Amino acid sequence: MADQKTTGELRKAAEITDDEINAAVDAVLAKPKTEPYPIGDGYRLDLAEAIKAHEPTVKALADPEAKPG
Protein backbone atom coordinates (compact mmCIF):
# COMPACT_ATOMS: atom_id res chain seq x y z
CA MET A 1 0.00 0.00 0.00
CA ALA A 2 1.23 3.49 -0.82
CA ASP A 3 2.34 5.78 1.96
CA GLN A 4 -0.77 7.72 2.96
CA LYS A 5 -0.04 11.03 4.64
CA THR A 6 -2.63 13.45 5.91
CA THR A 7 -3.05 16.84 4.30
CA GLY A 8 -1.75 18.36 7.53
CA GLU A 9 1.38 16.21 7.41
CA LEU A 10 2.00 17.17 3.79
CA ARG A 11 1.50 20.85 4.57
CA LYS A 12 3.75 20.74 7.64
CA ALA A 13 6.49 19.10 5.56
CA ALA A 14 5.99 21.81 2.88
CA GLU A 15 5.14 19.12 0.31
CA ILE A 16 1.93 21.01 -0.53
CA THR A 17 0.97 24.67 -0.15
CA ASP A 18 -2.05 26.45 1.26
CA ASP A 19 -2.85 27.58 -2.29
CA GLU A 20 -2.94 23.96 -3.48
CA ILE A 21 -5.22 22.98 -0.62
CA ASN A 22 -7.52 25.93 -1.32
CA ALA A 23 -7.67 25.06 -5.03
CA ALA A 24 -8.67 21.47 -4.17
CA VAL A 25 -11.39 22.68 -1.80
CA ASP A 26 -12.69 25.17 -4.38
CA ALA A 27 -12.83 22.42 -7.02
CA VAL A 28 -14.85 20.12 -4.76
CA LEU A 29 -17.21 22.90 -3.68
CA ALA A 30 -17.80 23.79 -7.33
CA LYS A 31 -18.42 20.16 -8.30
CA PRO A 32 -18.93 17.88 -5.26
CA LYS A 33 -18.76 14.65 -7.28
CA THR A 34 -15.30 15.53 -8.55
CA GLU A 35 -12.55 12.92 -8.82
CA PRO A 36 -9.58 13.00 -6.46
CA TYR A 37 -7.76 16.27 -7.01
CA PRO A 38 -4.05 16.24 -7.94
CA ILE A 39 -2.06 18.12 -5.33
CA GLY A 40 1.65 18.53 -4.69
CA ASP A 41 4.14 16.24 -6.35
CA GLY A 42 2.23 13.06 -7.11
CA TYR A 43 -0.46 13.24 -4.42
CA ARG A 44 -4.22 13.17 -4.92
CA LEU A 45 -6.68 14.63 -2.46
CA ASP A 46 -10.12 13.00 -2.33
CA LEU A 47 -12.14 15.49 -0.29
CA ALA A 48 -15.45 13.79 -1.05
CA GLU A 49 -14.16 10.59 0.60
CA ALA A 50 -12.59 12.56 3.44
CA ILE A 51 -15.95 14.16 4.17
CA LYS A 52 -17.70 10.77 4.13
CA ALA A 53 -15.12 9.38 6.56
CA HIS A 54 -15.41 12.26 9.05
CA GLU A 55 -18.41 11.48 11.27
CA PRO A 56 -18.88 15.01 12.71
CA THR A 57 -19.01 16.42 9.18
CA VAL A 58 -21.52 13.79 8.04
CA LYS A 59 -23.74 14.63 11.02
CA ALA A 60 -23.46 18.38 10.42
CA LEU A 61 -24.32 18.04 6.74
CA ALA A 62 -27.36 15.92 7.59
CA ASP A 63 -28.62 18.44 10.17
CA PRO A 64 -30.64 21.27 8.58
CA GLU A 65 -30.23 23.25 11.83
CA ALA A 66 -26.42 23.00 11.81
CA LYS A 67 -24.49 26.27 11.86
CA PRO A 68 -20.97 26.99 10.57
CA GLY A 69 -18.24 26.57 13.15
C-alpha atoms as a PDB file:
ATOM      1  CA  MET A   1       0.000   0.000   0.000  1.00  0.00           C
ATOM      2  CA  ALA A   2       1.229   3.487  -0.820  1.00  0.00           C
ATOM      3  CA  ASP A   3       2.344   5.785   1.956  1.00  0.00           C
ATOM      4  CA  GLN A   4      -0.771   7.719   2.959  1.00  0.00           C
ATOM      5  CA  LYS A   5      -0.042  11.029   4.643  1.00  0.00           C
ATOM      6  CA  THR A   6      -2.633  13.452   5.905  1.00  0.00           C
ATOM      7  CA  THR A   7      -3.045  16.843   4.304  1.00  0.00           C
ATOM      8  CA  GLY A   8      -1.748  18.357   7.533  1.00  0.00           C
ATOM      9  CA  GLU A   9       1.382  16.208   7.415  1.00  0.00           C
ATOM     10  CA  LEU A  10       2.004  17.166   3.786  1.00  0.00           C
ATOM     11  CA  ARG A  11       1.495  20.851   4.575  1.00  0.00           C
ATOM     12  CA  LYS A  12       3.754  20.744   7.637  1.00  0.00           C
ATOM     13  CA  ALA A  13       6.495  19.102   5.556  1.00  0.00           C
ATOM     14  CA  ALA A  14       5.989  21.805   2.879  1.00  0.00           C
ATOM     15  CA  GLU A  15       5.137  19.123   0.310  1.00  0.00           C
ATOM     16  CA  ILE A  16       1.934  21.014  -0.531  1.00  0.00           C
ATOM     17  CA  THR A  17       0.974  24.670  -0.146  1.00  0.00           C
ATOM     18  CA  ASP A  18      -2.050  26.447   1.256  1.00  0.00           C
ATOM     19  CA  ASP A  19      -2.848  27.583  -2.287  1.00  0.00           C
ATOM     20  CA  GLU A  20      -2.936  23.962  -3.481  1.00  0.00           C
ATOM     21  CA  ILE A  21      -5.222  22.983  -0.616  1.00  0.00           C
ATOM     22  CA  ASN A  22      -7.519  25.933  -1.317  1.00  0.00           C
ATOM     23  CA  ALA A  23      -7.668  25.056  -5.027  1.00  0.00           C
ATOM     24  CA  ALA A  24      -8.672  21.473  -4.170  1.00  0.00           C
ATOM     25  CA  VAL A  25     -11.386  22.677  -1.795  1.00  0.00           C
ATOM     26  CA  ASP A  26     -12.690  25.168  -4.375  1.00  0.00           C
ATOM     27  CA  ALA A  27     -12.830  22.417  -7.023  1.00  0.00           C
ATOM     28  CA  VAL A  28     -14.845  20.116  -4.765  1.00  0.00           C
ATOM     29  CA  LEU A  29     -17.208  22.895  -3.680  1.00  0.00           C
ATOM     30  CA  ALA A  30     -17.802  23.791  -7.327  1.00  0.00           C
ATOM     31  CA  LYS A  31     -18.418  20.157  -8.299  1.00  0.00           C
ATOM     32  CA  PRO A  32     -18.930  17.882  -5.263  1.00  0.00           C
ATOM     33  CA  LYS A  33     -18.760  14.645  -7.284  1.00  0.00           C
ATOM     34  CA  THR A  34     -15.297  15.532  -8.552  1.00  0.00           C
ATOM     35  CA  GLU A  35     -12.550  12.918  -8.821  1.00  0.00           C
ATOM     36  CA  PRO A  36      -9.575  12.997  -6.459  1.00  0.00           C
ATOM     37  CA  TYR A  37      -7.763  16.271  -7.014  1.00  0.00           C
ATOM     38  CA  PRO A  38      -4.049  16.243  -7.937  1.00  0.00           C
ATOM     39  CA  ILE A  39      -2.063  18.123  -5.328  1.00  0.00           C
ATOM     40  CA  GLY A  40       1.647  18.531  -4.689  1.00  0.00           C
ATOM     41  CA  ASP A  41       4.140  16.243  -6.347  1.00  0.00           C
ATOM     42  CA  GLY A  42       2.230  13.060  -7.114  1.00  0.00           C
ATOM     43  CA  TYR A  43      -0.456  13.242  -4.421  1.00  0.00           C
ATOM     44  CA  ARG A  44      -4.217  13.167  -4.922  1.00  0.00           C
ATOM     45  CA  LEU A  45      -6.683  14.628  -2.465  1.00  0.00           C
ATOM     46  CA  ASP A  46     -10.123  13.000  -2.332  1.00  0.00           C
ATOM     47  CA  LEU A  47     -12.136  15.487  -0.293  1.00  0.00           C
ATOM     48  CA  ALA A  48     -15.450  13.785  -1.052  1.00  0.00           C
ATOM     49  CA  GLU A  49     -14.160  10.587   0.598  1.00  0.00           C
ATOM     50  CA  ALA A  50     -12.591  12.557   3.436  1.00  0.00           C
ATOM     51  CA  ILE A  51     -15.953  14.165   4.171  1.00  0.00           C
ATOM     52  CA  LYS A  52     -17.705  10.771   4.129  1.00  0.00           C
ATOM     53  CA  ALA A  53     -15.122   9.379   6.558  1.00  0.00           C
ATOM     54  CA  HIS A  54     -15.412  12.261   9.054  1.00  0.00           C
ATOM     55  CA  GLU A  55     -18.411  11.479  11.266  1.00  0.00           C
ATOM     56  CA  PRO A  56     -18.881  15.014  12.706  1.00  0.00           C
ATOM     57  CA  THR A  57     -19.010  16.421   9.179  1.00  0.00           C
ATOM     58  CA  VAL A  58     -21.516  13.788   8.036  1.00  0.00           C
ATOM     59  CA  LYS A  59     -23.744  14.632  11.023  1.00  0.00           C
ATOM     60  CA  ALA A  60     -23.459  18.375  10.424  1.00  0.00           C
ATOM     61  CA  LEU A  61     -24.321  18.043   6.739  1.00  0.00           C
ATOM     62  CA  ALA A  62     -27.355  15.922   7.587  1.00  0.00           C
ATOM     63  CA  ASP A  63     -28.624  18.440  10.172  1.00  0.00           C
ATOM     64  CA  PRO A  64     -30.638  21.273   8.578  1.00  0.00           C
ATOM     65  CA  GLU A  65     -30.233  23.249  11.828  1.00  0.00           C
ATOM     66  CA  ALA A  66     -26.423  22.998  11.813  1.00  0.00           C
ATOM     67  CA  LYS A  67     -24.494  26.274  11.864  1.00  0.00           C
ATOM     68  CA  PRO A  68     -20.967  26.986  10.573  1.00  0.00           C
ATOM     69  CA  GLY A  69     -18.238  26.572  13.145  1.00  0.00           C
END
